[in-house]
Amino acid sequence: MFLPQLLARAEKGEKLTVLTCYDASFARVLVDNGIDVLLVGDSLGMTVQGHATTLPVTLEQMTYHTEAVARGAAGKAFIVADLPFGAYQRDPQQAFDASARLMAAGANMVKLEGGAVMVETVAFLTRRGIPVCGHLGLMPQSVNATGYRAQAREASAAEQLFQDASDLEAAGATLLVLESIPAVLAEEVTQHLAIPTIGIGAGAQCNGQVLVLQDLLGLTEKPPRFAKDFMEGAWNIGSAIRNYVASVKSGEFPGPEHSF
């Protein structure tokens, strides 16, 4: 799947379904059960490697996992790969070099965290043919500064996030992840932007939803508030994924209990 196809589906009002994916086997399962976007997330640092944060993940590791996911997906899903901490923050050229490696590994788009500070980098990448997904709200790579808690609850922070979202879109970003922010703010941002928003702990009014695969499968010891165990009541993994897809497409998930 290519970006124009994905955007056309969102333009028609179809909710986009996104799950993290780190290997070829799960890539095949996710594709076969209707997931639109596979996110090769640096969350693998926690879910696969056992670290406390995403910060230790390297570009080499992200490249390796992107290659595996791309082989498993076999061109049947849109693949977004995270730029890991330290691989893009220095300057736009560093970000381009890292992005080029992930694109060569099979990614269709790269994702980076940050608002105003990343606008120049987003513009640099998109002018050179690299599609970019932004990420605002709770940004796991900034956990040492913010902790794992909901963001943009104060008026000034909400205003800044709204402006950052507008600036990222103007710079050329074509998707935007909104994580752990008030549902009302996420809805305002979604209505304001022309590009699709993908929510995680940001309410049901985003243009799509993303979850960490291990949260969906009930494998996380202490899942975050926005997670839901779709294995409960499912007879196998494929059934759980189909239940997630159906719940997102219908607007049933996320419910108020998964939002801020």
Protein backbone atom coordinates (compact mmCIF):
# COMPACT_ATOMS: atom_id res chain seq x y z
CA MET A 1 0.00 0.00 0.00
CA PHE A 2 1.22 3.49 -0.83
CA LEU A 3 0.50 6.79 0.91
CA PRO A 4 -2.12 8.11 -1.58
CA GLN A 5 -4.23 4.97 -1.03
CA LEU A 6 -4.03 5.35 2.72
CA LEU A 7 -4.94 9.02 2.64
CA ALA A 8 -7.85 8.35 0.26
CA ARG A 9 -9.35 5.92 2.74
CA ALA A 10 -9.09 8.45 5.55
CA GLU A 11 -10.56 11.15 3.29
CA LYS A 12 -13.63 8.96 2.78
CA GLY A 13 -14.13 8.83 6.52
CA GLU A 14 -12.78 5.32 7.10
CA LYS A 15 -11.03 4.92 10.44
CA LEU A 16 -7.45 3.75 10.04
CA THR A 17 -6.20 0.82 12.11
CA VAL A 18 -2.59 0.78 13.29
CA LEU A 19 -0.66 -1.73 15.41
CA THR A 20 2.98 -1.98 16.35
CA CYS A 21 4.83 -4.82 14.65
CA TYR A 22 8.39 -6.01 15.03
CA ASP A 23 8.79 -9.23 13.00
CA ALA A 24 7.76 -11.05 9.84
CA SER A 25 5.40 -13.55 11.47
CA PHE A 26 3.24 -10.94 13.12
CA ALA A 27 3.40 -8.77 10.00
CA ARG A 28 1.69 -11.56 8.07
CA VAL A 29 -0.91 -12.07 10.80
CA LEU A 30 -1.70 -8.35 11.03
CA VAL A 31 -2.02 -7.97 7.27
CA ASP A 32 -4.20 -11.06 6.96
CA ASN A 33 -6.58 -9.72 9.61
CA GLY A 34 -7.14 -6.25 8.23
CA ILE A 35 -4.60 -3.89 9.83
CA ASP A 36 -3.99 -0.86 7.62
CA VAL A 37 -0.67 0.37 9.03
CA LEU A 38 2.17 -1.54 10.66
CA LEU A 39 4.18 0.65 13.01
CA VAL A 40 7.72 -0.60 13.58
CA GLY A 41 7.90 1.20 16.88
CA ASP A 42 10.87 1.92 19.06
CA SER A 43 8.53 0.52 21.71
CA LEU A 44 10.36 -2.71 20.84
CA GLY A 45 12.93 -1.52 23.36
CA MET A 46 10.37 -2.28 26.06
CA THR A 47 8.23 -5.04 24.56
CA VAL A 48 10.97 -7.10 22.88
CA GLN A 49 14.22 -6.11 24.58
CA GLY A 50 12.93 -5.62 28.12
CA HIS A 51 14.22 -2.09 28.71
CA ALA A 52 12.37 0.37 30.94
CA THR A 53 12.15 2.97 28.15
CA THR A 54 12.57 3.29 24.39
CA LEU A 55 15.80 5.24 24.72
CA PRO A 56 18.34 2.39 24.29
CA VAL A 57 16.98 1.40 20.86
CA THR A 58 19.49 1.99 18.05
CA LEU A 59 19.10 2.81 14.38
CA GLU A 60 20.68 -0.53 13.50
CA GLN A 61 18.02 -2.33 15.52
CA MET A 62 15.21 -0.32 13.95
CA THR A 63 16.60 -1.11 10.50
CA TYR A 64 16.75 -4.83 11.32
CA HIS A 65 13.15 -4.96 12.54
CA THR A 66 11.88 -2.84 9.65
CA GLU A 67 13.43 -5.28 7.18
CA ALA A 68 11.76 -8.21 8.94
CA VAL A 69 8.34 -6.53 8.99
CA ALA A 70 8.62 -5.52 5.34
CA ARG A 71 9.37 -9.09 4.31
CA GLY A 72 6.40 -10.38 6.25
CA ALA A 73 4.00 -7.71 4.99
CA ALA A 74 5.00 -8.38 1.37
CA GLY A 75 3.71 -5.02 0.18
CA LYS A 76 0.19 -5.55 1.55
CA ALA A 77 0.28 -2.91 4.31
CA PHE A 78 1.65 0.58 4.85
CA ILE A 79 4.75 0.51 7.06
CA VAL A 80 5.80 3.35 9.35
CA ALA A 81 9.14 3.11 11.16
CA ASP A 82 10.17 5.12 14.19
CA LEU A 83 13.33 7.17 14.10
CA PRO A 84 15.01 6.17 17.38
CA PHE A 85 16.30 8.53 20.03
CA GLY A 86 19.54 10.22 19.03
CA ALA A 87 19.24 9.35 15.33
CA TYR A 88 17.53 12.56 14.15
CA GLN A 89 17.59 15.32 16.76
CA ARG A 90 20.98 16.84 15.91
CA ASP A 91 20.12 18.33 12.53
CA PRO A 92 18.04 17.66 9.39
CA GLN A 93 20.91 15.96 7.57
CA GLN A 94 21.31 13.42 10.37
CA ALA A 95 17.55 12.81 10.21
CA PHE A 96 17.73 12.32 6.45
CA ASP A 97 20.57 9.82 6.70
CA ALA A 98 18.69 7.78 9.32
CA SER A 99 15.42 8.01 7.39
CA ALA A 100 17.08 6.85 4.19
CA ARG A 101 18.24 3.69 5.95
CA LEU A 102 14.75 2.93 7.23
CA MET A 103 13.18 3.62 3.84
CA ALA A 104 15.71 1.35 2.15
CA ALA A 105 14.82 -1.32 4.73
CA GLY A 106 11.18 -1.23 3.61
CA ALA A 107 9.47 1.59 5.47
CA ASN A 108 6.93 3.71 3.58
CA MET A 109 7.17 6.55 6.12
CA VAL A 110 9.22 7.55 9.15
CA LYS A 111 7.86 8.83 12.45
CA LEU A 112 9.54 11.34 14.71
CA GLU A 113 8.63 12.98 18.00
CA GLY A 114 8.42 16.70 18.67
CA GLY A 115 6.70 19.91 17.70
CA ALA A 116 8.28 23.25 16.83
CA VAL A 117 11.83 21.95 17.19
CA MET A 118 11.17 19.37 14.46
CA VAL A 119 9.50 21.62 11.88
CA GLU A 120 12.71 22.33 9.94
CA THR A 121 13.56 18.63 9.91
CA VAL A 122 10.10 17.62 8.68
CA ALA A 123 10.32 20.14 5.85
CA PHE A 124 13.83 18.94 4.95
CA LEU A 125 12.72 15.31 4.78
CA THR A 126 9.47 15.80 2.91
CA ARG A 127 11.11 18.01 0.27
CA ARG A 128 13.41 15.06 -0.40
CA GLY A 129 10.66 12.50 -0.85
CA ILE A 130 10.51 11.01 2.63
CA PRO A 131 6.96 10.93 4.06
CA VAL A 132 6.81 11.90 7.73
CA CYS A 133 4.45 11.08 10.58
CA GLY A 134 4.63 13.48 13.51
CA HIS A 135 4.06 12.56 17.16
CA LEU A 136 2.74 14.95 19.82
CA GLY A 137 1.45 14.69 23.37
CA LEU A 138 3.15 12.03 25.44
CA MET A 139 6.44 11.46 23.67
CA PRO A 140 8.20 8.36 25.04
CA GLN A 141 11.64 9.58 23.98
CA SER A 142 11.15 12.54 26.34
CA VAL A 143 10.11 10.39 29.29
CA ASN A 144 12.96 11.65 31.47
CA ALA A 145 11.51 15.15 31.21
CA THR A 146 7.78 14.38 31.33
CA GLY A 147 7.27 10.94 32.83
CA TYR A 148 4.57 8.58 31.56
CA ARG A 149 1.54 10.77 32.16
CA ALA A 150 -1.12 12.54 30.14
CA GLN A 151 -0.02 15.76 28.45
CA ALA A 152 -1.53 19.10 27.34
CA ARG A 153 -4.07 19.27 30.17
CA GLU A 154 -3.26 22.90 30.97
CA ALA A 155 -4.52 25.63 28.63
CA SER A 156 -1.05 26.86 27.66
CA ALA A 157 0.18 23.36 26.87
CA ALA A 158 -2.95 22.64 24.84
CA GLU A 159 -2.46 25.82 22.84
CA GLN A 160 1.16 24.88 22.15
CA LEU A 161 0.20 21.39 21.00
CA PHE A 162 -2.45 22.83 18.69
CA GLN A 163 0.12 25.20 17.18
CA ASP A 164 2.71 22.44 16.88
CA ALA A 165 0.21 20.26 15.01
CA SER A 166 -0.51 23.07 12.56
CA ASP A 167 3.18 23.76 12.06
CA LEU A 168 4.02 20.10 11.43
CA GLU A 169 1.27 19.88 8.83
CA ALA A 170 2.51 23.06 7.14
CA ALA A 171 6.03 21.60 7.08
CA GLY A 172 4.79 18.57 5.16
CA ALA A 173 3.88 15.89 7.71
CA THR A 174 1.11 13.67 6.32
CA LEU A 175 0.12 11.75 9.48
CA LEU A 176 0.11 12.78 13.12
CA VAL A 177 0.06 10.56 16.21
CA LEU A 178 -1.60 12.12 19.25
CA GLU A 179 -0.76 10.27 22.48
CA SER A 180 -2.31 10.66 25.92
CA ILE A 181 -3.96 14.02 25.53
CA PRO A 182 -7.51 15.15 26.41
CA ALA A 183 -10.06 13.75 23.98
CA VAL A 184 -11.57 17.21 23.51
CA LEU A 185 -8.20 18.62 22.40
CA ALA A 186 -7.57 15.69 20.06
CA GLU A 187 -10.95 16.27 18.46
CA GLU A 188 -10.18 19.97 17.96
CA VAL A 189 -6.83 19.18 16.38
CA THR A 190 -8.38 16.52 14.13
CA GLN A 191 -11.08 18.90 12.91
CA HIS A 192 -8.51 21.65 12.28
CA LEU A 193 -6.00 19.61 10.29
CA ALA A 194 -6.33 18.29 6.75
CA ILE A 195 -4.01 15.36 7.50
CA PRO A 196 -5.20 12.26 9.41
CA THR A 197 -4.61 11.98 13.14
CA ILE A 198 -3.90 8.64 14.81
CA GLY A 199 -4.88 8.48 18.45
CA ILE A 200 -3.57 6.48 21.38
CA GLY A 201 -5.21 7.57 24.59
CA ALA A 202 -6.64 10.56 22.70
CA GLY A 203 -10.31 9.68 22.30
CA ALA A 204 -12.42 8.26 19.51
CA GLN A 205 -12.59 11.30 17.24
CA CYS A 206 -9.14 10.86 15.70
CA ASN A 207 -9.01 9.55 12.13
CA GLY A 208 -7.47 6.29 13.32
CA GLN A 209 -6.17 4.43 16.34
CA VAL A 210 -2.90 2.75 17.27
CA LEU A 211 -2.08 0.28 20.03
CA VAL A 212 1.03 -1.57 21.06
CA LEU A 213 0.54 -5.17 19.91
CA GLN A 214 1.48 -6.64 23.28
CA ASP A 215 -1.16 -4.47 24.99
CA LEU A 216 -3.81 -5.75 22.58
CA LEU A 217 -2.76 -9.36 23.26
CA GLY A 218 -2.89 -8.94 27.03
CA LEU A 219 0.83 -9.51 27.45
CA THR A 220 1.63 -6.28 29.31
CA GLU A 221 1.91 -6.70 33.07
CA LYS A 222 0.69 -3.17 33.85
CA PRO A 223 -1.04 -1.89 30.70
CA PRO A 224 -1.64 1.83 30.29
CA ARG A 225 -5.12 3.28 30.72
CA PHE A 226 -5.66 3.60 26.98
CA ALA A 227 -4.96 -0.09 26.29
CA LYS A 228 -7.51 -2.86 25.90
CA ASP A 229 -6.97 -6.62 26.03
CA PHE A 230 -8.66 -7.81 22.84
CA MET A 231 -7.62 -11.41 23.55
CA GLU A 232 -10.34 -11.52 26.19
CA GLY A 233 -13.16 -13.46 24.58
CA ALA A 234 -11.19 -14.11 21.37
CA TRP A 235 -10.41 -17.66 20.31
CA ASN A 236 -7.04 -16.87 18.73
CA ILE A 237 -4.73 -13.97 17.87
CA GLY A 238 -6.31 -13.39 14.48
CA SER A 239 -9.72 -13.14 16.10
CA ALA A 240 -8.44 -10.58 18.60
CA ILE A 241 -6.98 -8.45 15.82
CA ARG A 242 -10.21 -8.63 13.82
CA ASN A 243 -12.12 -7.54 16.93
CA TYR A 244 -9.78 -4.56 17.26
CA VAL A 245 -10.26 -3.62 13.61
CA ALA A 246 -14.04 -3.86 13.88
CA SER A 247 -14.09 -1.84 17.11
CA VAL A 248 -11.97 0.95 15.64
CA LYS A 249 -13.84 1.09 12.33
CA SER A 250 -17.20 1.28 14.13
CA GLY A 251 -16.04 3.90 16.63
CA GLU A 252 -16.64 1.57 19.58
CA PHE A 253 -12.97 1.71 20.56
CA PRO A 254 -11.64 3.66 22.31
CA GLY A 255 -14.34 4.25 24.89
CA PRO A 256 -14.32 6.96 27.56
CA GLU A 257 -12.49 4.58 29.91
CA HIS A 258 -9.53 4.53 27.48
CA SER A 259 -9.34 8.32 27.13
CA PHE A 260 -8.35 11.37 29.12
